[in-house]
């Protein structure tokens, strides 16, 4: 029998802090005026992911509005909200996006990242897209993923969008354990899979 990890997505209900998974990817957060409110936004290249992302955000009490974006994508964004100020304070340093020093990539946070900006690759690995406009976040996210037991490689710096690639039997098994089963609306082929599971 498989024992549920304390860090897996199924170990606890989703909470507001898990929206940081959007910021691990290409999401953005900005403060307004004196900093008493903040807005979270992200552009999803795959519009079919939008309902699932909105549903998870709604479970935390946050409403995401959607509108068409360039290249066929969908833009999601919140209103300016007081309850996002703490998240903004953790992810903004000066005027730039920054990864919190104590970031722990547990299951719910990784699940949100995979939901909004993850995809399988043709070699059996899994790609977690990074923010191409915040290169300073890439190395800290590699370190956080390594601490979570899924040490990745950084790929895509040449032509495609930068991403962290998780591969290998043990790392994929750990990633699957953390993120849980595919959300409704996300094809299993585009969700982390551990191929050894189907052979046991």
Protein backbone atom coordinates (compact mmCIF):
# COMPACT_ATOMS: atom_id res chain seq x y z
CA UNK A 1 0.00 0.00 0.00
CA UNK A 2 1.27 3.48 -0.91
CA UNK A 3 1.63 5.86 2.01
CA UNK A 4 0.46 9.44 1.42
CA UNK A 5 3.31 11.94 1.63
CA UNK A 6 2.88 14.83 4.04
CA UNK A 7 3.97 17.09 1.18
CA UNK A 8 1.62 15.72 -1.51
CA UNK A 9 -1.22 17.70 -3.06
CA UNK A 10 -3.74 15.34 -1.44
CA UNK A 11 -2.40 15.79 2.09
CA UNK A 12 -4.25 19.06 2.79
CA UNK A 13 -6.79 21.43 1.23
CA UNK A 14 -5.56 24.08 -1.19
CA UNK A 15 -4.84 27.47 0.38
CA UNK A 16 -4.14 31.02 -0.77
CA UNK A 17 -0.35 30.62 -0.51
CA UNK A 18 -0.51 27.83 -3.12
CA UNK A 19 -1.24 30.45 -5.78
CA UNK A 20 2.51 31.01 -5.65
CA UNK A 21 2.63 28.09 -8.07
CA UNK A 22 1.51 30.54 -10.75
CA UNK A 23 4.48 32.75 -9.87
CA UNK A 24 6.93 29.86 -10.16
CA UNK A 25 5.86 29.86 -13.81
CA UNK A 26 5.16 32.95 -15.92
CA UNK A 27 2.66 34.51 -13.50
CA UNK A 28 3.05 38.08 -12.31
CA UNK A 29 2.03 39.93 -9.16
CA UNK A 30 1.97 43.71 -8.73
CA UNK A 31 1.10 46.05 -5.90
CA UNK A 32 -1.21 49.02 -6.31
CA UNK A 33 -0.64 52.50 -4.92
CA UNK A 34 0.72 52.37 -1.39
CA UNK A 35 0.89 48.58 -1.48
CA UNK A 36 -2.34 47.84 0.38
CA UNK A 37 -3.67 45.72 -2.49
CA UNK A 38 -2.12 43.47 -5.12
CA UNK A 39 -3.11 41.79 -8.38
CA UNK A 40 -2.08 38.32 -9.62
CA UNK A 41 -2.09 37.51 -13.34
CA UNK A 42 -0.89 34.86 -15.77
CA UNK A 43 -1.15 34.13 -19.48
CA UNK A 44 -1.93 30.50 -20.29
CA UNK A 45 -0.76 29.37 -23.74
CA UNK A 46 -3.34 26.57 -23.54
CA UNK A 47 -6.84 28.06 -23.01
CA UNK A 48 -8.25 24.65 -22.07
CA UNK A 49 -6.35 24.89 -18.76
CA UNK A 50 -8.19 28.07 -17.72
CA UNK A 51 -11.29 26.46 -16.12
CA UNK A 52 -9.16 24.18 -13.94
CA UNK A 53 -6.86 27.02 -12.86
CA UNK A 54 -9.86 29.21 -12.06
CA UNK A 55 -11.47 26.39 -10.07
CA UNK A 56 -8.39 25.91 -7.88
CA UNK A 57 -8.12 29.66 -7.30
CA UNK A 58 -11.83 29.78 -6.41
CA UNK A 59 -11.24 27.08 -3.79
CA UNK A 60 -8.89 29.54 -2.06
CA UNK A 61 -11.49 32.32 -2.23
CA UNK A 62 -9.84 34.13 -5.15
CA UNK A 63 -11.71 34.89 -8.37
CA UNK A 64 -9.76 34.92 -11.64
CA UNK A 65 -11.24 36.75 -14.60
CA UNK A 66 -10.33 35.52 -18.08
CA UNK A 67 -9.91 37.22 -21.43
CA UNK A 68 -8.29 36.29 -24.75
CA UNK A 69 -4.55 36.87 -25.04
CA UNK A 70 -2.17 36.98 -27.98
CA UNK A 71 -1.24 33.84 -29.93
CA UNK A 72 -4.47 32.12 -28.97
CA UNK A 73 -3.78 32.03 -25.22
CA UNK A 74 -5.93 33.09 -22.29
CA UNK A 75 -5.06 35.76 -19.73
CA UNK A 76 -6.24 35.25 -16.16
CA UNK A 77 -6.12 37.95 -13.52
CA UNK A 78 -7.58 38.87 -10.17
CA UNK A 79 -8.91 42.21 -9.05
CA UNK A 80 -6.62 44.23 -6.77
CA UNK A 81 -7.10 42.49 -3.43
CA UNK A 82 -5.93 43.02 0.14
CA UNK A 83 -5.44 39.31 0.74
CA UNK A 84 -2.78 39.08 -1.98
CA UNK A 85 -0.48 41.65 -0.34
CA UNK A 86 1.41 39.03 1.68
CA UNK A 87 2.04 36.97 -1.44
CA UNK A 88 3.25 40.08 -3.26
CA UNK A 89 5.59 40.91 -0.39
CA UNK A 90 7.13 37.44 -0.60
CA UNK A 91 7.57 37.49 -4.40
CA UNK A 92 8.64 41.08 -5.07
CA UNK A 93 12.06 42.43 -4.18
CA UNK A 94 12.41 46.09 -5.08
CA UNK A 95 10.57 46.28 -8.39
CA UNK A 96 11.48 42.77 -9.57
CA UNK A 97 9.95 39.34 -9.16
CA UNK A 98 11.96 37.21 -6.72
CA UNK A 99 11.68 33.73 -5.23
CA UNK A 100 11.28 33.67 -1.42
CA UNK A 101 14.40 32.38 0.30
CA UNK A 102 12.42 29.76 2.24
CA UNK A 103 10.25 28.54 -0.64
CA UNK A 104 9.11 24.95 -0.12
CA UNK A 105 7.79 23.27 -3.26
CA UNK A 106 5.20 21.01 -1.69
CA UNK A 107 2.47 19.15 -3.58
CA UNK A 108 -0.28 21.80 -3.75
CA UNK A 109 2.12 24.48 -4.96
CA UNK A 110 3.71 22.16 -7.53
CA UNK A 111 0.26 21.04 -8.65
CA UNK A 112 -0.71 24.65 -9.38
CA UNK A 113 2.55 25.20 -11.30
CA UNK A 114 2.01 22.05 -13.35
CA UNK A 115 -1.63 22.93 -13.97
CA UNK A 116 -0.86 26.39 -15.33
CA UNK A 117 2.53 25.88 -16.96
CA UNK A 118 3.44 22.19 -17.15
CA UNK A 119 3.60 19.75 -20.03
CA UNK A 120 5.05 16.36 -20.85
CA UNK A 121 7.94 16.10 -23.28
CA UNK A 122 8.56 13.49 -25.94
CA UNK A 123 11.25 11.71 -23.89
CA UNK A 124 9.10 10.84 -20.89
CA UNK A 125 10.12 13.78 -18.74
CA UNK A 126 8.03 16.69 -17.51
CA UNK A 127 8.54 20.40 -18.16
CA UNK A 128 7.63 23.17 -15.73
CA UNK A 129 7.74 26.44 -17.65
CA UNK A 130 9.69 29.31 -16.11
CA UNK A 131 9.16 33.06 -16.44
CA UNK A 132 11.27 34.20 -19.43
CA UNK A 133 11.12 37.79 -18.14
CA UNK A 134 12.44 36.92 -14.67
CA UNK A 135 15.68 35.03 -15.27
CA UNK A 136 16.71 35.82 -11.69
CA UNK A 137 14.05 33.36 -10.46
CA UNK A 138 15.37 30.35 -12.38
CA UNK A 139 18.29 29.31 -10.20
CA UNK A 140 16.38 29.67 -6.90
CA UNK A 141 13.57 27.53 -8.35
CA UNK A 142 16.10 24.87 -9.38
CA UNK A 143 17.35 24.87 -5.78
CA UNK A 144 13.81 24.64 -4.39
CA UNK A 145 12.95 21.74 -6.73
CA UNK A 146 16.13 19.96 -5.69
CA UNK A 147 15.17 20.33 -2.02
CA UNK A 148 11.78 18.83 -2.86
CA UNK A 149 13.46 15.70 -4.23
CA UNK A 150 12.98 16.43 -7.94
CA UNK A 151 16.34 17.92 -9.03
CA UNK A 152 15.70 19.31 -12.53
CA UNK A 153 17.67 20.43 -15.55
CA UNK A 154 17.09 23.89 -17.01
CA UNK A 155 16.18 23.70 -20.70
CA UNK A 156 14.99 25.99 -23.47
CA UNK A 157 17.38 28.87 -23.01
CA UNK A 158 18.17 28.88 -26.73
CA UNK A 159 14.93 29.01 -28.69
CA UNK A 160 11.91 27.77 -26.72
CA UNK A 161 10.49 29.00 -23.45
CA UNK A 162 12.79 28.25 -20.50
CA UNK A 163 11.64 25.40 -18.30
CA UNK A 164 12.73 23.01 -15.59
CA UNK A 165 12.83 19.43 -16.87
CA UNK A 166 12.22 16.61 -14.41
CA UNK A 167 13.22 13.17 -15.70
CA UNK A 168 14.33 9.75 -14.52
CA UNK A 169 12.39 7.05 -12.72
CA UNK A 170 12.96 8.17 -9.14
CA UNK A 171 12.38 11.85 -9.83
CA UNK A 172 9.22 11.24 -11.85
CA UNK A 173 7.89 8.92 -9.15
CA UNK A 174 8.46 11.67 -6.60
CA UNK A 175 6.81 14.31 -8.82
CA UNK A 176 3.74 12.11 -9.36
CA UNK A 177 3.54 11.52 -5.61
CA UNK A 178 3.63 15.27 -4.98
CA UNK A 179 1.18 16.58 -7.58
CA UNK A 180 -1.42 13.81 -7.43
CA UNK A 181 -3.77 12.75 -10.26
CA UNK A 182 -4.62 14.98 -13.26
CA UNK A 183 -7.22 17.68 -12.56
CA UNK A 184 -10.51 17.58 -14.46
CA UNK A 185 -9.96 18.99 -17.94
CA UNK A 186 -6.24 18.18 -18.14
CA UNK A 187 -5.36 15.18 -20.36
CA UNK A 188 -3.40 12.46 -18.58
CA UNK A 189 -0.86 12.67 -21.40
CA UNK A 190 0.00 16.21 -20.29
CA UNK A 191 0.26 15.45 -16.56
CA UNK A 192 3.26 13.97 -14.71
CA UNK A 193 3.28 10.19 -15.07
CA UNK A 194 5.47 7.50 -13.58
CA UNK A 195 5.62 4.78 -16.20
CA UNK A 196 6.74 2.13 -13.72
CA UNK A 197 3.38 2.36 -11.97
CA UNK A 198 1.51 0.86 -14.91
CA UNK A 199 3.78 -2.19 -14.92
CA UNK A 200 3.30 -3.17 -11.31
